[in-house]
C-alpha atoms as a PDB file:
ATOM      1  CA  UNK A   1     130.107  49.814 178.538  1.00  0.00           C
ATOM      2  CA  UNK A   2     130.491  48.018 181.194  1.00  0.00           C
ATOM      3  CA  UNK A   3     133.164  45.197 180.629  1.00  0.00           C
ATOM      4  CA  UNK A   4     131.427  43.537 177.780  1.00  0.00           C
ATOM      5  CA  UNK A   5     132.996  42.544 174.961  1.00  0.00           C
ATOM      6  CA  UNK A   6     131.977  45.045 171.946  1.00  0.00           C
ATOM      7  CA  UNK A   7     130.269  43.562 169.440  1.00  0.00           C
ATOM      8  CA  UNK A   8     127.468  45.884 167.163  1.00  0.00           C
ATOM      9  CA  UNK A   9     125.455  46.816 169.374  1.00  0.00           C
ATOM     10  CA  UNK A  10     127.961  49.435 170.935  1.00  0.00           C
ATOM     11  CA  UNK A  11     128.059  51.025 167.607  1.00  0.00           C
ATOM     12  CA  UNK A  12     124.539  51.345 167.587  1.00  0.00           C
ATOM     13  CA  UNK A  13     124.550  53.213 170.833  1.00  0.00           C
ATOM     14  CA  UNK A  14     127.221  55.448 168.572  1.00  0.00           C
ATOM     15  CA  UNK A  15     124.641  55.807 166.390  1.00  0.00           C
ATOM     16  CA  UNK A  16     122.282  57.201 168.706  1.00  0.00           C
ATOM     17  CA  UNK A  17     124.015  59.401 169.994  1.00  0.00           C
ATOM     18  CA  UNK A  18     124.808  60.986 166.464  1.00  0.00           C
ATOM     19  CA  UNK A  19     121.207  61.005 165.107  1.00  0.00           C
ATOM     20  CA  UNK A  20     120.870  63.055 169.024  1.00  0.00           C
ATOM     21  CA  UNK A  21     123.843  65.250 168.021  1.00  0.00           C
ATOM     22  CA  UNK A  22     122.314  66.193 164.772  1.00  0.00           C
ATOM     23  CA  UNK A  23     119.478  66.545 165.917  1.00  0.00           C
ATOM     24  CA  UNK A  24     120.427  69.215 168.784  1.00  0.00           C
ATOM     25  CA  UNK A  25     123.507  70.786 167.113  1.00  0.00           C
ATOM     26  CA  UNK A  26     125.186  70.221 169.899  1.00  0.00           C
ATOM     27  CA  UNK A  27     127.702  68.227 171.752  1.00  0.00           C
ATOM     28  CA  UNK A  28     125.430  64.760 173.949  1.00  0.00           C
ATOM     29  CA  UNK A  29     125.482  65.673 177.118  1.00  0.00           C
ATOM     30  CA  UNK A  30     125.742  69.227 176.655  1.00  0.00           C
ATOM     31  CA  UNK A  31     123.344  70.339 179.383  1.00  0.00           C
ATOM     32  CA  UNK A  32     124.420  68.298 181.768  1.00  0.00           C
ATOM     33  CA  UNK A  33     128.674  68.546 180.801  1.00  0.00           C
ATOM     34  CA  UNK A  34     127.154  72.380 182.143  1.00  0.00           C
ATOM     35  CA  UNK A  35     125.982  70.863 185.567  1.00  0.00           C
ATOM     36  CA  UNK A  36     128.452  68.154 186.868  1.00  0.00           C
ATOM     37  CA  UNK A  37     131.278  68.641 187.901  1.00  0.00           C
ATOM     38  CA  UNK A  38     133.806  66.338 185.860  1.00  0.00           C
ATOM     39  CA  UNK A  39     133.259  64.004 182.644  1.00  0.00           C
ATOM     40  CA  UNK A  40     133.551  61.179 184.426  1.00  0.00           C
ATOM     41  CA  UNK A  41     130.082  61.813 186.607  1.00  0.00           C
ATOM     42  CA  UNK A  42     128.442  62.296 183.622  1.00  0.00           C
ATOM     43  CA  UNK A  43     129.805  58.721 182.109  1.00  0.00           C
ATOM     44  CA  UNK A  44     128.699  57.433 185.212  1.00  0.00           C
ATOM     45  CA  UNK A  45     125.403  58.931 184.985  1.00  0.00           C
ATOM     46  CA  UNK A  46     125.121  57.255 181.377  1.00  0.00           C
ATOM     47  CA  UNK A  47     126.505  53.899 182.690  1.00  0.00           C
ATOM     48  CA  UNK A  48     123.718  53.212 185.159  1.00  0.00           C
ATOM     49  CA  UNK A  49     120.784  54.947 182.756  1.00  0.00           C
ATOM     50  CA  UNK A  50     120.393  57.624 185.140  1.00  0.00           C
ATOM     51  CA  UNK A  51     121.305  60.428 181.900  1.00  0.00           C
ATOM     52  CA  UNK A  52     120.898  59.654 178.290  1.00  0.00           C
ATOM     53  CA  UNK A  53     120.767  61.481 174.804  1.00  0.00           C
ATOM     54  CA  UNK A  54     117.898  64.285 174.527  1.00  0.00           C
ATOM     55  CA  UNK A  55     116.000  64.847 170.674  1.00  0.00           C
ATOM     56  CA  UNK A  56     114.504  68.648 169.954  1.00  0.00           C
ATOM     57  CA  UNK A  57     110.629  69.192 170.350  1.00  0.00           C
ATOM     58  CA  UNK A  58     111.485  69.769 166.680  1.00  0.00           C
ATOM     59  CA  UNK A  59     112.902  65.640 165.521  1.00  0.00           C
ATOM     60  CA  UNK A  60     110.742  63.454 163.707  1.00  0.00           C
ATOM     61  CA  UNK A  61     108.970  61.531 166.225  1.00  0.00           C
ATOM     62  CA  UNK A  62     110.208  58.004 164.461  1.00  0.00           C
ATOM     63  CA  UNK A  63     113.775  59.492 163.990  1.00  0.00           C
ATOM     64  CA  UNK A  64     113.967  60.532 168.246  1.00  0.00           C
ATOM     65  CA  UNK A  65     112.383  56.925 168.881  1.00  0.00           C
ATOM     66  CA  UNK A  66     114.908  55.240 166.391  1.00  0.00           C
ATOM     67  CA  UNK A  67     117.506  57.440 168.744  1.00  0.00           C
ATOM     68  CA  UNK A  68     116.032  56.612 172.025  1.00  0.00           C
ATOM     69  CA  UNK A  69     115.877  52.660 171.367  1.00  0.00           C
ATOM     70  CA  UNK A  70     119.577  52.063 169.720  1.00  0.00           C
ATOM     71  CA  UNK A  71     120.863  54.629 173.598  1.00  0.00           C
ATOM     72  CA  UNK A  72     119.156  51.219 175.336  1.00  0.00           C
ATOM     73  CA  UNK A  73     120.618  50.393 178.275  1.00  0.00           C
ATOM     74  CA  UNK A  74     120.258  46.795 177.583  1.00  0.00           C
ATOM     75  CA  UNK A  75     122.218  45.938 174.656  1.00  0.00           C
ATOM     76  CA  UNK A  76     120.351  43.280 173.198  1.00  0.00           C
ATOM     77  CA  UNK A  77     117.188  45.977 173.048  1.00  0.00           C
ATOM     78  CA  UNK A  78     118.715  48.051 170.637  1.00  0.00           C
ATOM     79  CA  UNK A  79     118.349  47.146 166.994  1.00  0.00           C
ATOM     80  CA  UNK A  80     120.483  45.231 164.726  1.00  0.00           C
ATOM     81  CA  UNK A  81     122.360  47.369 162.225  1.00  0.00           C
ATOM     82  CA  UNK A  82     119.853  45.833 159.253  1.00  0.00           C
ATOM     83  CA  UNK A  83     116.715  46.864 161.293  1.00  0.00           C
ATOM     84  CA  UNK A  84     118.478  50.212 161.991  1.00  0.00           C
ATOM     85  CA  UNK A  85     119.136  50.781 157.969  1.00  0.00           C
ATOM     86  CA  UNK A  86     115.245  49.776 157.432  1.00  0.00           C
ATOM     87  CA  UNK A  87     114.045  51.635 159.601  1.00  0.00           C
ATOM     88  CA  UNK A  88     116.323  55.136 157.484  1.00  0.00           C
ATOM     89  CA  UNK A  89     114.727  54.021 154.868  1.00  0.00           C
ATOM     90  CA  UNK A  90     110.839  53.902 155.916  1.00  0.00           C
ATOM     91  CA  UNK A  91     111.338  57.203 158.038  1.00  0.00           C
ATOM     92  CA  UNK A  92     113.555  59.029 154.465  1.00  0.00           C
ATOM     93  CA  UNK A  93     110.860  57.379 152.301  1.00  0.00           C
ATOM     94  CA  UNK A  94     107.982  58.801 154.728  1.00  0.00           C
ATOM     95  CA  UNK A  95     109.121  62.707 155.051  1.00  0.00           C
ATOM     96  CA  UNK A  96     111.180  63.482 151.622  1.00  0.00           C
ATOM     97  CA  UNK A  97     109.094  60.548 149.713  1.00  0.00           C
ATOM     98  CA  UNK A  98     112.388  58.589 148.606  1.00  0.00           C
ATOM     99  CA  UNK A  99     114.647  56.604 149.831  1.00  0.00           C
ATOM    100  CA  UNK A 100     118.367  58.059 148.681  1.00  0.00           C
END
């Protein structure tokens, strides 16, 4: 995000944002956008870890945990794509009793 080379960790961050969007059924940072004067201020807060995506109280704790790990400020703290896929399969089996 801050001048670093593009790699899978950026895609993992984006996936965490998508998980939040699906759960919240709204655009990411929607409440902050209403409060802040510009998109640049929102971006700045996200880049410096002062603003994070949200998950609803009804969201599965395992999904919220995965989503928050995906949007970790430090890219090296984010899970790899295979780890994300494995955890999603585990969540689906646990929540729905199947993997597909």
